[in-house]
Structures are given as C-alpha cells and as structure tokens.
Amino acid sequence: MERIKKGICQAVVINSGNANACNGPQGLKDARKMAFGVSRCLRVDERLVLVSSTGVIGVPLPMPVIERNIPKLAKDLSRMDG
C-alpha cells in the first residue's frame, strides 16, 4: 500500500497460492524481499516494484523458492508491443 500511493510503477510481481496476509512483520519483510529481487533483475528502482499475492491467508511465503526463481522469471520476460 505504501508504494501504490505514488500512482506509478515499473514492475509488478504477483504470486498465487499464498496471500501473504496476516503474517505480521515477516509478511512485510517478505514482500520487500520480493520487490528487491525483481528490482535487481530488471534494473528498476525497488520503490517502483509492486507486490501482489493471492491465496491462503496466514501462511508465510516460501521465500527460498521465490528468491531462487525470480531471476528465471525475469529472464523469461519478453517485450510485447501493440
């Protein structure tokens, strides 16, 4: 929420299966880790990466799996015009 207030972003990372809600400070830390990983891979300002999650509430994100796969996901991106 703190990042979306600015009204601009350069990247959005979304996970499903786990909502990352009701996880307290750890949930916020995990969301920031996801944004940081994406920002490094895409070479964009970390503050312009939005994170969204959907799924089971109250279960921590599997951060080792997410962090390990962000570079692969970024590599698989392609530009689409039109």
N, C-alpha and C. Protein backbone atom coordinates (compact mmCIF):
# COMPACT_ATOMS: atom_id res chain seq x y z
N MET A 1 0.83 -1.19 0.00
CA MET A 1 0.00 0.00 0.00
C MET A 1 0.87 1.25 0.00
N GLU A 2 2.00 1.20 0.70
CA GLU A 2 2.84 2.39 0.77
C GLU A 2 3.41 2.75 -0.60
N ARG A 3 3.61 1.79 -1.46
CA ARG A 3 4.18 2.07 -2.78
C ARG A 3 3.13 2.48 -3.79
N ILE A 4 1.96 1.96 -3.70
CA ILE A 4 0.92 2.26 -4.70
C ILE A 4 0.41 3.69 -4.56
N LYS A 5 0.61 4.31 -3.42
CA LYS A 5 0.15 5.69 -3.19
C LYS A 5 0.74 6.66 -4.21
N LYS A 6 1.94 6.36 -4.70
CA LYS A 6 2.59 7.25 -5.67
C LYS A 6 1.91 7.21 -7.03
N GLY A 7 1.20 6.13 -7.33
CA GLY A 7 0.46 6.04 -8.57
C GLY A 7 1.28 5.63 -9.78
N ILE A 8 2.53 5.25 -9.58
CA ILE A 8 3.36 4.79 -10.70
C ILE A 8 4.14 3.55 -10.29
N CYS A 9 4.45 2.73 -11.27
CA CYS A 9 5.32 1.59 -11.02
C CYS A 9 5.99 1.21 -12.33
N GLN A 10 7.05 0.43 -12.22
CA GLN A 10 7.74 -0.07 -13.40
C GLN A 10 7.64 -1.58 -13.50
N ALA A 11 7.24 -2.23 -12.42
CA ALA A 11 7.12 -3.68 -12.43
C ALA A 11 6.12 -4.12 -11.38
N VAL A 12 5.48 -5.25 -11.65
CA VAL A 12 4.56 -5.87 -10.69
C VAL A 12 4.95 -7.33 -10.60
N VAL A 13 5.10 -7.83 -9.39
CA VAL A 13 5.36 -9.25 -9.19
C VAL A 13 4.17 -9.80 -8.40
N ILE A 14 3.61 -10.90 -8.91
CA ILE A 14 2.40 -11.48 -8.31
C ILE A 14 2.64 -12.96 -8.04
N ASN A 15 2.26 -13.39 -6.85
CA ASN A 15 2.30 -14.83 -6.56
C ASN A 15 0.89 -15.29 -6.22
N SER A 16 0.62 -16.55 -6.50
CA SER A 16 -0.67 -17.13 -6.13
C SER A 16 -0.42 -18.37 -5.29
N GLY A 17 -1.44 -18.74 -4.55
CA GLY A 17 -1.34 -19.91 -3.68
C GLY A 17 -1.14 -19.51 -2.22
N ASN A 18 -0.65 -18.31 -2.01
CA ASN A 18 -0.39 -17.82 -0.66
C ASN A 18 -0.62 -16.32 -0.65
N ALA A 19 -1.53 -15.85 0.17
CA ALA A 19 -1.92 -14.45 0.17
C ALA A 19 -0.93 -13.52 0.87
N ASN A 20 -0.01 -14.05 1.63
CA ASN A 20 0.92 -13.24 2.42
C ASN A 20 0.17 -12.20 3.26
N ALA A 21 -0.99 -12.58 3.77
CA ALA A 21 -1.78 -11.70 4.64
C ALA A 21 -1.81 -12.29 6.04
N CYS A 22 -1.92 -11.42 7.02
CA CYS A 22 -1.95 -11.82 8.44
C CYS A 22 -0.65 -12.52 8.84
N ASN A 23 0.46 -12.06 8.27
CA ASN A 23 1.78 -12.61 8.61
C ASN A 23 2.64 -11.62 9.35
N GLY A 24 2.06 -10.49 9.76
CA GLY A 24 2.76 -9.51 10.57
C GLY A 24 4.02 -8.96 9.91
N PRO A 25 5.01 -8.60 10.71
CA PRO A 25 6.24 -8.02 10.19
C PRO A 25 6.95 -8.92 9.18
N GLN A 26 6.85 -10.23 9.35
CA GLN A 26 7.51 -11.15 8.41
C GLN A 26 6.89 -11.04 7.02
N GLY A 27 5.58 -10.87 6.95
CA GLY A 27 4.91 -10.73 5.66
C GLY A 27 5.38 -9.49 4.92
N LEU A 28 5.53 -8.39 5.65
CA LEU A 28 6.03 -7.15 5.04
C LEU A 28 7.48 -7.32 4.60
N LYS A 29 8.27 -7.95 5.43
CA LYS A 29 9.68 -8.21 5.08
C LYS A 29 9.76 -9.07 3.81
N ASP A 30 8.92 -10.09 3.71
CA ASP A 30 8.93 -10.97 2.55
C ASP A 30 8.51 -10.22 1.28
N ALA A 31 7.49 -9.37 1.39
CA ALA A 31 7.06 -8.58 0.24
C ALA A 31 8.19 -7.66 -0.23
N ARG A 32 8.88 -7.07 0.71
CA ARG A 32 10.01 -6.20 0.35
C ARG A 32 11.15 -6.99 -0.30
N LYS A 33 11.36 -8.21 0.17
CA LYS A 33 12.39 -9.07 -0.45
C LYS A 33 12.02 -9.40 -1.89
N MET A 34 10.74 -9.67 -2.13
CA MET A 34 10.29 -9.95 -3.50
C MET A 34 10.53 -8.73 -4.38
N ALA A 35 10.17 -7.56 -3.90
CA ALA A 35 10.36 -6.33 -4.67
C ALA A 35 11.84 -6.09 -4.94
N PHE A 36 12.66 -6.31 -3.95
CA PHE A 36 14.10 -6.10 -4.13
C PHE A 36 14.66 -7.05 -5.18
N GLY A 37 14.29 -8.32 -5.12
CA GLY A 37 14.77 -9.30 -6.10
C GLY A 37 14.37 -8.93 -7.51
N VAL A 38 13.13 -8.50 -7.69
CA VAL A 38 12.66 -8.09 -9.01
C VAL A 38 13.39 -6.84 -9.47
N SER A 39 13.58 -5.89 -8.58
CA SER A 39 14.25 -4.64 -8.95
C SER A 39 15.68 -4.90 -9.42
N ARG A 40 16.36 -5.80 -8.76
CA ARG A 40 17.74 -6.14 -9.17
C ARG A 40 17.77 -6.78 -10.54
N CYS A 41 16.87 -7.72 -10.76
CA CYS A 41 16.85 -8.45 -12.03
C CYS A 41 16.43 -7.57 -13.21
N LEU A 42 15.51 -6.65 -12.97
CA LEU A 42 15.00 -5.82 -14.05
C LEU A 42 15.70 -4.45 -14.13
N ARG A 43 16.56 -4.22 -13.16
CA ARG A 43 17.30 -2.95 -13.10
C ARG A 43 16.35 -1.75 -13.05
N VAL A 44 15.41 -1.84 -12.13
CA VAL A 44 14.49 -0.73 -11.88
C VAL A 44 14.57 -0.36 -10.40
N ASP A 45 14.10 0.82 -10.08
CA ASP A 45 14.09 1.28 -8.70
C ASP A 45 13.18 0.38 -7.87
N GLU A 46 13.70 -0.11 -6.78
CA GLU A 46 12.93 -1.02 -5.92
C GLU A 46 11.62 -0.41 -5.46
N ARG A 47 11.60 0.90 -5.27
CA ARG A 47 10.39 1.58 -4.81
C ARG A 47 9.29 1.61 -5.88
N LEU A 48 9.65 1.23 -7.11
CA LEU A 48 8.67 1.22 -8.20
C LEU A 48 8.24 -0.19 -8.58
N VAL A 49 8.51 -1.16 -7.69
CA VAL A 49 8.07 -2.54 -7.89
C VAL A 49 6.91 -2.80 -6.93
N LEU A 50 5.77 -3.18 -7.48
CA LEU A 50 4.61 -3.50 -6.66
C LEU A 50 4.51 -5.02 -6.47
N VAL A 51 4.07 -5.44 -5.31
CA VAL A 51 3.93 -6.86 -4.99
C VAL A 51 2.46 -7.15 -4.71
N SER A 52 1.97 -8.24 -5.27
CA SER A 52 0.60 -8.67 -5.04
C SER A 52 0.59 -10.17 -4.80
N SER A 53 -0.24 -10.60 -3.89
CA SER A 53 -0.33 -12.02 -3.56
C SER A 53 -1.78 -12.42 -3.39
N THR A 54 -2.09 -13.65 -3.74
CA THR A 54 -3.44 -14.16 -3.54
C THR A 54 -3.37 -15.63 -3.16
N GLY A 55 -4.27 -16.05 -2.31
CA GLY A 55 -4.29 -17.44 -1.90
C GLY A 55 -4.58 -17.59 -0.42
N VAL A 56 -3.96 -18.58 0.18
CA VAL A 56 -4.18 -18.94 1.58
C VAL A 56 -3.69 -17.81 2.49
N ILE A 57 -4.50 -17.44 3.45
CA ILE A 57 -4.18 -16.38 4.40
C ILE A 57 -3.51 -16.97 5.64
N GLY A 58 -2.51 -16.27 6.15
CA GLY A 58 -1.87 -16.65 7.41
C GLY A 58 -0.73 -17.63 7.29
N VAL A 59 -0.33 -17.97 6.09
CA VAL A 59 0.78 -18.89 5.89
C VAL A 59 1.94 -18.10 5.29
N PRO A 60 3.14 -18.17 5.88
CA PRO A 60 4.28 -17.44 5.35
C PRO A 60 4.63 -17.88 3.92
N LEU A 61 5.14 -16.93 3.16
CA LEU A 61 5.58 -17.23 1.79
C LEU A 61 6.79 -18.16 1.81
N PRO A 62 6.92 -19.02 0.81
CA PRO A 62 8.11 -19.88 0.70
C PRO A 62 9.26 -19.08 0.06
N MET A 63 9.84 -18.17 0.83
CA MET A 63 10.80 -17.22 0.28
C MET A 63 12.02 -17.86 -0.39
N PRO A 64 12.58 -18.95 0.11
CA PRO A 64 13.72 -19.54 -0.62
C PRO A 64 13.35 -19.92 -2.06
N VAL A 65 12.16 -20.45 -2.25
CA VAL A 65 11.71 -20.84 -3.59
C VAL A 65 11.48 -19.59 -4.45
N ILE A 66 10.83 -18.60 -3.88
CA ILE A 66 10.55 -17.36 -4.61
C ILE A 66 11.85 -16.68 -4.99
N GLU A 67 12.74 -16.48 -4.04
CA GLU A 67 14.01 -15.79 -4.32
C GLU A 67 14.84 -16.54 -5.36
N ARG A 68 14.82 -17.84 -5.30
CA ARG A 68 15.59 -18.64 -6.25
C ARG A 68 15.03 -18.51 -7.68
N ASN A 69 13.72 -18.30 -7.81
CA ASN A 69 13.09 -18.30 -9.13
C ASN A 69 12.87 -16.92 -9.74
N ILE A 70 13.02 -15.86 -9.00
CA ILE A 70 12.84 -14.52 -9.56
C ILE A 70 13.77 -14.29 -10.75
N PRO A 71 15.06 -14.62 -10.68
CA PRO A 71 15.92 -14.40 -11.85
C PRO A 71 15.45 -15.15 -13.10
N LYS A 72 14.96 -16.36 -12.92
CA LYS A 72 14.46 -17.13 -14.08
C LYS A 72 13.22 -16.47 -14.66
N LEU A 73 12.31 -16.04 -13.81
CA LEU A 73 11.11 -15.37 -14.29
C LEU A 73 11.46 -14.09 -15.04
N ALA A 74 12.40 -13.32 -14.51
CA ALA A 74 12.81 -12.09 -15.18
C ALA A 74 13.45 -12.37 -16.53
N LYS A 75 14.24 -13.42 -16.59
CA LYS A 75 14.91 -13.80 -17.85
C LYS A 75 13.90 -14.21 -18.91
N ASP A 76 12.80 -14.81 -18.49
CA ASP A 76 11.79 -15.30 -19.43
C ASP A 76 10.84 -14.21 -19.93
N LEU A 77 10.97 -13.00 -19.42
CA LEU A 77 10.11 -11.92 -19.88
C LEU A 77 10.47 -11.53 -21.32
N SER A 78 9.47 -11.05 -22.04
CA SER A 78 9.72 -10.52 -23.37
C SER A 78 8.89 -9.26 -23.53
N ARG A 79 9.32 -8.43 -24.42
CA ARG A 79 8.60 -7.18 -24.67
C ARG A 79 7.50 -7.43 -25.70
N MET A 80 6.32 -6.94 -25.39
CA MET A 80 5.21 -7.06 -26.33
C MET A 80 4.72 -5.67 -26.66
N ASP A 81 4.73 -5.31 -27.90
CA ASP A 81 4.21 -4.02 -28.35
C ASP A 81 2.86 -4.23 -28.99
N GLY A 82 2.01 -3.26 -28.83
CA GLY A 82 0.77 -3.33 -29.56
C GLY A 82 -0.42 -3.34 -28.75
